[in-house]
Amino acid sequence: MNKLRFNQKKAIKIFKENDFSSGIHYHTTGTGKSWIAMYLLYEFHIKYPTKNILWICEKKDILLQQFSYSILQECHTWFVWF
């Protein structure tokens, strides 16, 4: 599994610095928008554990494909980045 790219780290850093107040990122296909979102969900949950999160996606199969149980288990070992 790949680590985060520069553009992904930058997007996450900006979100955290703005206390998650900005929610729009324009990235081209294949640049890791879903992974940015997954990391932001994790970071948001760490900061606000009692708040709810709603993730809206065009197609459910995209999430199932990218975030299968085995991928998330592997991801768990490197979920501390910054």
PDB file of N, CA and C in Angstrom:
ATOM      1  N   MET A   1       0.844  -1.180   0.000  1.00  0.00           N
ATOM      2  CA  MET A   1       0.000   0.000   0.000  1.00  0.00           C
ATOM      3  C   MET A   1       0.888   1.242   0.000  1.00  0.00           C
ATOM      4  N   ASN A   2       0.504   2.228  -0.769  1.00  0.00           N
ATOM      5  CA  ASN A   2       1.284   3.455  -0.876  1.00  0.00           C
ATOM      6  C   ASN A   2       1.060   4.371   0.313  1.00  0.00           C
ATOM      7  N   LYS A   3       2.079   5.103   0.653  1.00  0.00           N
ATOM      8  CA  LYS A   3       1.957   6.144   1.665  1.00  0.00           C
ATOM      9  C   LYS A   3       1.325   7.374   1.013  1.00  0.00           C
ATOM     10  N   LEU A   4       0.993   8.336   1.814  1.00  0.00           N
ATOM     11  CA  LEU A   4       0.376   9.549   1.276  1.00  0.00           C
ATOM     12  C   LEU A   4       1.356  10.336   0.419  1.00  0.00           C
ATOM     13  N   ARG A   5       0.827  10.924  -0.636  1.00  0.00           N
ATOM     14  CA  ARG A   5       1.618  11.792  -1.503  1.00  0.00           C
ATOM     15  C   ARG A   5       1.606  13.215  -0.950  1.00  0.00           C
ATOM     16  N   PHE A   6       2.462  14.059  -1.519  1.00  0.00           N
ATOM     17  CA  PHE A   6       2.597  15.438  -1.049  1.00  0.00           C
ATOM     18  C   PHE A   6       1.263  16.175  -1.073  1.00  0.00           C
ATOM     19  N   ASN A   7       0.526  16.078  -2.193  1.00  0.00           N
ATOM     20  CA  ASN A   7      -0.748  16.803  -2.302  1.00  0.00           C
ATOM     21  C   ASN A   7      -1.754  16.333  -1.247  1.00  0.00           C
ATOM     22  N   GLN A   8      -1.720  15.048  -0.911  1.00  0.00           N
ATOM     23  CA  GLN A   8      -2.625  14.518   0.102  1.00  0.00           C
ATOM     24  C   GLN A   8      -2.252  15.026   1.495  1.00  0.00           C
ATOM     25  N   LYS A   9      -0.972  15.003   1.798  1.00  0.00           N
ATOM     26  CA  LYS A   9      -0.511  15.497   3.102  1.00  0.00           C
ATOM     27  C   LYS A   9      -0.835  16.984   3.268  1.00  0.00           C
ATOM     28  N   LYS A  10      -0.654  17.733   2.176  1.00  0.00           N
ATOM     29  CA  LYS A  10      -0.938  19.169   2.229  1.00  0.00           C
ATOM     30  C   LYS A  10      -2.421  19.424   2.484  1.00  0.00           C
ATOM     31  N   ALA A  11      -3.289  18.680   1.803  1.00  0.00           N
ATOM     32  CA  ALA A  11      -4.740  18.843   1.998  1.00  0.00           C
ATOM     33  C   ALA A  11      -5.132  18.530   3.433  1.00  0.00           C
ATOM     34  N   ILE A  12      -4.603  17.466   3.984  1.00  0.00           N
ATOM     35  CA  ILE A  12      -4.913  17.075   5.361  1.00  0.00           C
ATOM     36  C   ILE A  12      -4.405  18.117   6.343  1.00  0.00           C
ATOM     37  N   LYS A  13      -3.217  18.610   6.101  1.00  0.00           N
ATOM     38  CA  LYS A  13      -2.632  19.633   6.984  1.00  0.00           C
ATOM     39  C   LYS A  13      -3.500  20.889   6.993  1.00  0.00           C
ATOM     40  N   ILE A  14      -3.957  21.326   5.816  1.00  0.00           N
ATOM     41  CA  ILE A  14      -4.803  22.525   5.730  1.00  0.00           C
ATOM     42  C   ILE A  14      -6.112  22.315   6.480  1.00  0.00           C
ATOM     43  N   PHE A  15      -6.725  21.159   6.295  1.00  0.00           N
ATOM     44  CA  PHE A  15      -7.962  20.859   7.006  1.00  0.00           C
ATOM     45  C   PHE A  15      -7.764  20.945   8.514  1.00  0.00           C
ATOM     46  N   LYS A  16      -6.700  20.327   8.997  1.00  0.00           N
ATOM     47  CA  LYS A  16      -6.463  20.319  10.439  1.00  0.00           C
ATOM     48  C   LYS A  16      -6.176  21.717  10.965  1.00  0.00           C
ATOM     49  N   GLU A  17      -5.403  22.495  10.219  1.00  0.00           N
ATOM     50  CA  GLU A  17      -5.091  23.867  10.643  1.00  0.00           C
ATOM     51  C   GLU A  17      -6.342  24.738  10.690  1.00  0.00           C
ATOM     52  N   ASN A  18      -7.326  24.458   9.824  1.00  0.00           N
ATOM     53  CA  ASN A  18      -8.579  25.204   9.793  1.00  0.00           C
ATOM     54  C   ASN A  18      -9.663  24.553  10.644  1.00  0.00           C
ATOM     55  N   ASP A  19      -9.271  23.628  11.497  1.00  0.00           N
ATOM     56  CA  ASP A  19     -10.198  22.907  12.368  1.00  0.00           C
ATOM     57  C   ASP A  19     -11.343  22.277  11.567  1.00  0.00           C
ATOM     58  N   PHE A  20     -10.990  21.704  10.419  1.00  0.00           N
ATOM     59  CA  PHE A  20     -11.913  20.967   9.558  1.00  0.00           C
ATOM     60  C   PHE A  20     -13.035  21.832   8.986  1.00  0.00           C
ATOM     61  N   SER A  21     -12.826  23.143   8.886  1.00  0.00           N
ATOM     62  CA  SER A  21     -13.899  24.035   8.435  1.00  0.00           C
ATOM     63  C   SER A  21     -14.051  24.095   6.914  1.00  0.00           C
ATOM     64  N   SER A  22     -13.051  23.703   6.158  1.00  0.00           N
ATOM     65  CA  SER A  22     -13.136  23.711   4.702  1.00  0.00           C
ATOM     66  C   SER A  22     -13.393  22.298   4.212  1.00  0.00           C
ATOM     67  N   GLY A  23     -14.302  22.140   3.256  1.00  0.00           N
ATOM     68  CA  GLY A  23     -14.644  20.797   2.842  1.00  0.00           C
ATOM     69  C   GLY A  23     -14.564  20.522   1.363  1.00  0.00           C
ATOM     70  N   ILE A  24     -13.959  21.395   0.572  1.00  0.00           N
ATOM     71  CA  ILE A  24     -13.899  21.184  -0.871  1.00  0.00           C
ATOM     72  C   ILE A  24     -12.444  21.128  -1.326  1.00  0.00           C
ATOM     73  N   HIS A  25     -12.123  20.051  -2.040  1.00  0.00           N
ATOM     74  CA  HIS A  25     -10.801  19.916  -2.644  1.00  0.00           C
ATOM     75  C   HIS A  25     -10.982  19.546  -4.098  1.00  0.00           C
ATOM     76  N   TYR A  26     -10.272  20.210  -4.956  1.00  0.00           N
ATOM     77  CA  TYR A  26     -10.310  19.911  -6.386  1.00  0.00           C
ATOM     78  C   TYR A  26      -9.033  19.175  -6.751  1.00  0.00           C
ATOM     79  N   HIS A  27      -9.171  17.899  -7.048  1.00  0.00           N
ATOM     80  CA  HIS A  27      -8.046  17.078  -7.476  1.00  0.00           C
ATOM     81  C   HIS A  27      -8.499  16.266  -8.688  1.00  0.00           C
ATOM     82  N   THR A  28      -7.583  15.958  -9.566  1.00  0.00           N
ATOM     83  CA  THR A  28      -7.924  15.171 -10.745  1.00  0.00           C
ATOM     84  C   THR A  28      -8.111  13.704 -10.372  1.00  0.00           C
ATOM     85  N   THR A  29      -8.629  12.959 -11.317  1.00  0.00           N
ATOM     86  CA  THR A  29      -8.857  11.529 -11.116  1.00  0.00           C
ATOM     87  C   THR A  29      -7.553  10.823 -10.775  1.00  0.00           C
ATOM     88  N   GLY A  30      -7.611   9.970  -9.773  1.00  0.00           N
ATOM     89  CA  GLY A  30      -6.450   9.162  -9.407  1.00  0.00           C
ATOM     90  C   GLY A  30      -5.450   9.832  -8.489  1.00  0.00           C
ATOM     91  N   THR A  31      -5.791  10.970  -7.919  1.00  0.00           N
ATOM     92  CA  THR A  31      -4.838  11.675  -7.056  1.00  0.00           C
ATOM     93  C   THR A  31      -5.060  11.398  -5.578  1.00  0.00           C
ATOM     94  N   GLY A  32      -6.022  10.537  -5.252  1.00  0.00           N
ATOM     95  CA  GLY A  32      -6.170  10.113  -3.868  1.00  0.00           C
ATOM     96  C   GLY A  32      -7.174  10.880  -3.035  1.00  0.00           C
ATOM     97  N   LYS A  33      -8.228  11.379  -3.667  1.00  0.00           N
ATOM     98  CA  LYS A  33      -9.248  12.129  -2.908  1.00  0.00           C
ATOM     99  C   LYS A  33      -9.920  11.269  -1.851  1.00  0.00           C
ATOM    100  N   SER A  34     -10.198  10.023  -2.177  1.00  0.00           N
ATOM    101  CA  SER A  34     -10.856   9.143  -1.208  1.00  0.00           C
ATOM    102  C   SER A  34      -9.953   8.880  -0.011  1.00  0.00           C
ATOM    103  N   TRP A  35      -8.656   8.757  -0.254  1.00  0.00           N
ATOM    104  CA  TRP A  35      -7.727   8.541   0.861  1.00  0.00           C
ATOM    105  C   TRP A  35      -7.595   9.791   1.713  1.00  0.00           C
ATOM    106  N   ILE A  36      -7.637  10.956   1.088  1.00  0.00           N
ATOM    107  CA  ILE A  36      -7.645  12.202   1.860  1.00  0.00           C
ATOM    108  C   ILE A  36      -8.853  12.185   2.792  1.00  0.00           C
ATOM    109  N   ALA A  37      -9.998  11.836   2.239  1.00  0.00           N
ATOM    110  CA  ALA A  37     -11.225  11.800   3.039  1.00  0.00           C
ATOM    111  C   ALA A  37     -11.112  10.793   4.175  1.00  0.00           C
ATOM    112  N   MET A  38     -10.570   9.622   3.907  1.00  0.00           N
ATOM    113  CA  MET A  38     -10.441   8.603   4.959  1.00  0.00           C
ATOM    114  C   MET A  38      -9.555   9.101   6.096  1.00  0.00           C
ATOM    115  N   TYR A  39      -8.448   9.715   5.764  1.00  0.00           N
ATOM    116  CA  TYR A  39      -7.558  10.246   6.795  1.00  0.00           C
ATOM    117  C   TYR A  39      -8.227  11.371   7.567  1.00  0.00           C
ATOM    118  N   LEU A  40      -8.990  12.216   6.872  1.00  0.00           N
ATOM    119  CA  LEU A  40      -9.687  13.308   7.555  1.00  0.00           C
ATOM    120  C   LEU A  40     -10.754  12.775   8.494  1.00  0.00           C
ATOM    121  N   LEU A  41     -11.445  11.726   8.089  1.00  0.00           N
ATOM    122  CA  LEU A  41     -12.421  11.106   8.982  1.00  0.00           C
ATOM    123  C   LEU A  41     -11.748  10.615  10.257  1.00  0.00           C
ATOM    124  N   TYR A  42     -10.612   9.984  10.078  1.00  0.00           N
ATOM    125  CA  TYR A  42      -9.861   9.487  11.235  1.00  0.00           C
ATOM    126  C   TYR A  42      -9.430  10.633  12.143  1.00  0.00           C
ATOM    127  N   GLU A  43      -8.829  11.661  11.567  1.00  0.00           N
ATOM    128  CA  GLU A  43      -8.355  12.805  12.352  1.00  0.00           C
ATOM    129  C   GLU A  43      -9.519  13.523  13.049  1.00  0.00           C
ATOM    130  N   PHE A  44     -10.632  13.672  12.343  1.00  0.00           N
ATOM    131  CA  PHE A  44     -11.809  14.320  12.926  1.00  0.00           C
ATOM    132  C   PHE A  44     -12.326  13.502  14.103  1.00  0.00           C
ATOM    133  N   HIS A  45     -12.368  12.197  13.931  1.00  0.00           N
ATOM    134  CA  HIS A  45     -12.847  11.323  15.005  1.00  0.00           C
ATOM    135  C   HIS A  45     -11.937  11.391  16.242  1.00  0.00           C
ATOM    136  N   ILE A  46     -10.655  11.489  16.019  1.00  0.00           N
ATOM    137  CA  ILE A  46      -9.715  11.613  17.142  1.00  0.00           C
ATOM    138  C   ILE A  46      -9.985  12.920  17.902  1.00  0.00           C
ATOM    139  N   LYS A  47     -10.213  13.995  17.182  1.00  0.00           N
ATOM    140  CA  LYS A  47     -10.422  15.293  17.821  1.00  0.00           C
ATOM    141  C   LYS A  47     -11.825  15.436  18.410  1.00  0.00           C
ATOM    142  N   TYR A  48     -12.821  14.887  17.721  1.00  0.00           N
ATOM    143  CA  TYR A  48     -14.218  15.021  18.145  1.00  0.00           C
ATOM    144  C   TYR A  48     -14.881  13.632  18.218  1.00  0.00           C
ATOM    145  N   PRO A  49     -14.516  12.827  19.187  1.00  0.00           N
ATOM    146  CA  PRO A  49     -15.003  11.438  19.218  1.00  0.00           C
ATOM    147  C   PRO A  49     -16.510  11.275  19.422  1.00  0.00           C
ATOM    148  N   THR A  50     -17.203  12.275  19.916  1.00  0.00           N
ATOM    149  CA  THR A  50     -18.645  12.131  20.139  1.00  0.00           C
ATOM    150  C   THR A  50     -19.486  12.673  18.983  1.00  0.00           C
ATOM    151  N   LYS A  51     -18.846  13.254  17.978  1.00  0.00           N
ATOM    152  CA  LYS A  51     -19.587  13.809  16.833  1.00  0.00           C
ATOM    153  C   LYS A  51     -19.789  12.747  15.761  1.00  0.00           C
ATOM    154  N   ASN A  52     -20.833  12.914  14.974  1.00  0.00           N
ATOM    155  CA  ASN A  52     -21.135  11.999  13.876  1.00  0.00           C
ATOM    156  C   ASN A  52     -20.490  12.476  12.582  1.00  0.00           C
ATOM    157  N   ILE A  53     -20.256  11.524  11.688  1.00  0.00           N
ATOM    158  CA  ILE A  53     -19.678  11.816  10.388  1.00  0.00           C
ATOM    159  C   ILE A  53     -20.562  11.180   9.327  1.00  0.00           C
ATOM    160  N   LEU A  54     -20.871  11.920   8.281  1.00  0.00           N
ATOM    161  CA  LEU A  54     -21.646  11.409   7.160  1.00  0.00           C
ATOM    162  C   LEU A  54     -20.782  11.511   5.909  1.00  0.00           C
ATOM    163  N   TRP A  55     -20.539  10.379   5.259  1.00  0.00           N
ATOM    164  CA  TRP A  55     -19.740  10.355   4.037  1.00  0.00           C
ATOM    165  C   TRP A  55     -20.679  10.031   2.878  1.00  0.00           C
ATOM    166  N   ILE A  56     -20.789  10.944   1.941  1.00  0.00           N
ATOM    167  CA  ILE A  56     -21.632  10.745   0.771  1.00  0.00           C
ATOM    168  C   ILE A  56     -20.727  10.483  -0.419  1.00  0.00           C
ATOM    169  N   CYS A  57     -21.006   9.408  -1.125  1.00  0.00           N
ATOM    170  CA  CYS A  57     -20.171   9.011  -2.255  1.00  0.00           C
ATOM    171  C   CYS A  57     -21.066   8.646  -3.433  1.00  0.00           C
ATOM    172  N   GLU A  58     -20.582   8.915  -4.628  1.00  0.00           N
ATOM    173  CA  GLU A  58     -21.372   8.642  -5.831  1.00  0.00           C
ATOM    174  C   GLU A  58     -21.719   7.162  -5.964  1.00  0.00           C
ATOM    175  N   LYS A  59     -20.748   6.308  -5.746  1.00  0.00           N
ATOM    176  CA  LYS A  59     -20.971   4.870  -5.901  1.00  0.00           C
ATOM    177  C   LYS A  59     -20.403   4.114  -4.705  1.00  0.00           C
ATOM    178  N   LYS A  60     -21.217   3.272  -4.140  1.00  0.00           N
ATOM    179  CA  LYS A  60     -20.800   2.486  -2.979  1.00  0.00           C
ATOM    180  C   LYS A  60     -19.625   1.570  -3.317  1.00  0.00           C
ATOM    181  N   ASP A  61     -19.596   1.022  -4.533  1.00  0.00           N
ATOM    182  CA  ASP A  61     -18.538   0.083  -4.891  1.00  0.00           C
ATOM    183  C   ASP A  61     -17.149   0.731  -4.865  1.00  0.00           C
ATOM    184  N   ILE A  62     -17.095   2.042  -5.056  1.00  0.00           N
ATOM    185  CA  ILE A  62     -15.803   2.736  -4.963  1.00  0.00           C
ATOM    186  C   ILE A  62     -15.246   2.603  -3.551  1.00  0.00           C
ATOM    187  N   LEU A  63     -16.080   2.841  -2.562  1.00  0.00           N
ATOM    188  CA  LEU A  63     -15.637   2.720  -1.170  1.00  0.00           C
ATOM    189  C   LEU A  63     -15.296   1.276  -0.827  1.00  0.00           C
ATOM    190  N   LEU A  64     -16.130   0.345  -1.269  1.00  0.00           N
ATOM    191  CA  LEU A  64     -15.874  -1.067  -0.975  1.00  0.00           C
ATOM    192  C   LEU A  64     -14.571  -1.535  -1.611  1.00  0.00           C
ATOM    193  N   GLN A  65     -14.285  -1.043  -2.798  1.00  0.00           N
ATOM    194  CA  GLN A  65     -13.071  -1.426  -3.508  1.00  0.00           C
ATOM    195  C   GLN A  65     -11.827  -0.846  -2.837  1.00  0.00           C
ATOM    196  N   GLN A  66     -11.879   0.434  -2.492  1.00  0.00           N
ATOM    197  CA  GLN A  66     -10.699   1.097  -1.948  1.00  0.00           C
ATOM    198  C   GLN A  66     -10.464   0.803  -0.475  1.00  0.00           C
ATOM    199  N   PHE A  67     -11.544   0.572   0.255  1.00  0.00           N
ATOM    200  CA  PHE A  67     -11.419   0.425   1.705  1.00  0.00           C
ATOM    201  C   PHE A  67     -11.964  -0.904   2.190  1.00  0.00           C
ATOM    202  N   SER A  68     -11.533  -1.968   1.562  1.00  0.00           N
ATOM    203  CA  SER A  68     -11.938  -3.290   2.020  1.00  0.00           C
ATOM    204  C   SER A  68     -11.366  -3.532   3.418  1.00  0.00           C
ATOM    205  N   TYR A  69     -11.907  -4.506   4.098  1.00  0.00           N
ATOM    206  CA  TYR A  69     -11.467  -4.805   5.465  1.00  0.00           C
ATOM    207  C   TYR A  69      -9.963  -5.070   5.517  1.00  0.00           C
ATOM    208  N   SER A  70      -9.442  -5.815   4.564  1.00  0.00           N
ATOM    209  CA  SER A  70      -8.010  -6.140   4.583  1.00  0.00           C
ATOM    210  C   SER A  70      -7.145  -4.900   4.377  1.00  0.00           C
ATOM    211  N   ILE A  71      -7.581  -3.989   3.515  1.00  0.00           N
ATOM    212  CA  ILE A  71      -6.831  -2.750   3.288  1.00  0.00           C
ATOM    213  C   ILE A  71      -6.853  -1.893   4.549  1.00  0.00           C
ATOM    214  N   LEU A  72      -8.006  -1.791   5.183  1.00  0.00           N
ATOM    215  CA  LEU A  72      -8.099  -0.989   6.403  1.00  0.00           C
ATOM    216  C   LEU A  72      -7.284  -1.601   7.542  1.00  0.00           C
ATOM    217  N   GLN A  73      -7.236  -2.917   7.613  1.00  0.00           N
ATOM    218  CA  GLN A  73      -6.408  -3.569   8.636  1.00  0.00           C
ATOM    219  C   GLN A  73      -4.934  -3.240   8.405  1.00  0.00           C
ATOM    220  N   GLU A  74      -4.490  -3.288   7.160  1.00  0.00           N
ATOM    221  CA  GLU A  74      -3.112  -2.942   6.820  1.00  0.00           C
ATOM    222  C   GLU A  74      -2.852  -1.474   7.118  1.00  0.00           C
ATOM    223  N   CYS A  75      -3.823  -0.638   6.805  1.00  0.00           N
ATOM    224  CA  CYS A  75      -3.717   0.798   7.009  1.00  0.00           C
ATOM    225  C   CYS A  75      -3.578   1.134   8.493  1.00  0.00           C
ATOM    226  N   HIS A  76      -4.214   0.366   9.343  1.00  0.00           N
ATOM    227  CA  HIS A  76      -4.210   0.624  10.784  1.00  0.00           C
ATOM    228  C   HIS A  76      -2.784   0.697  11.332  1.00  0.00           C
ATOM    229  N   THR A  77      -1.850  -0.022  10.741  1.00  0.00           N
ATOM    230  CA  THR A  77      -0.483  -0.045  11.252  1.00  0.00           C
ATOM    231  C   THR A  77       0.289   1.234  10.961  1.00  0.00           C
ATOM    232  N   TRP A  78      -0.201   2.057  10.024  1.00  0.00           N
ATOM    233  CA  TRP A  78       0.516   3.311   9.720  1.00  0.00           C
ATOM    234  C   TRP A  78      -0.400   4.516   9.736  1.00  0.00           C
ATOM    235  N   PHE A  79      -1.429   4.489  10.617  1.00  0.00           N
ATOM    236  CA  PHE A  79      -2.403   5.569  10.661  1.00  0.00           C
ATOM    237  C   PHE A  79      -1.952   6.772  11.472  1.00  0.00           C
ATOM    238  N   VAL A  80      -0.732   6.839  11.914  1.00  0.00           N
ATOM    239  CA  VAL A  80      -0.214   8.029  12.588  1.00  0.00           C
ATOM    240  C   VAL A  80       0.833   8.614  11.672  1.00  0.00           C
ATOM    241  N   TRP A  81       0.550   9.828  11.140  1.00  0.00           N
ATOM    242  CA  TRP A  81       1.413  10.358  10.098  1.00  0.00           C
ATOM    243  C   TRP A  81       2.088  11.650  10.447  1.00  0.00           C
ATOM    244  N   PHE A  82       1.449  12.513  11.164  1.00  0.00           N
ATOM    245  CA  PHE A  82       1.978  13.853  11.327  1.00  0.00           C
ATOM    246  C   PHE A  82       2.451  14.069  12.743  1.00  0.00           C
TER     247      PHE A  82
END
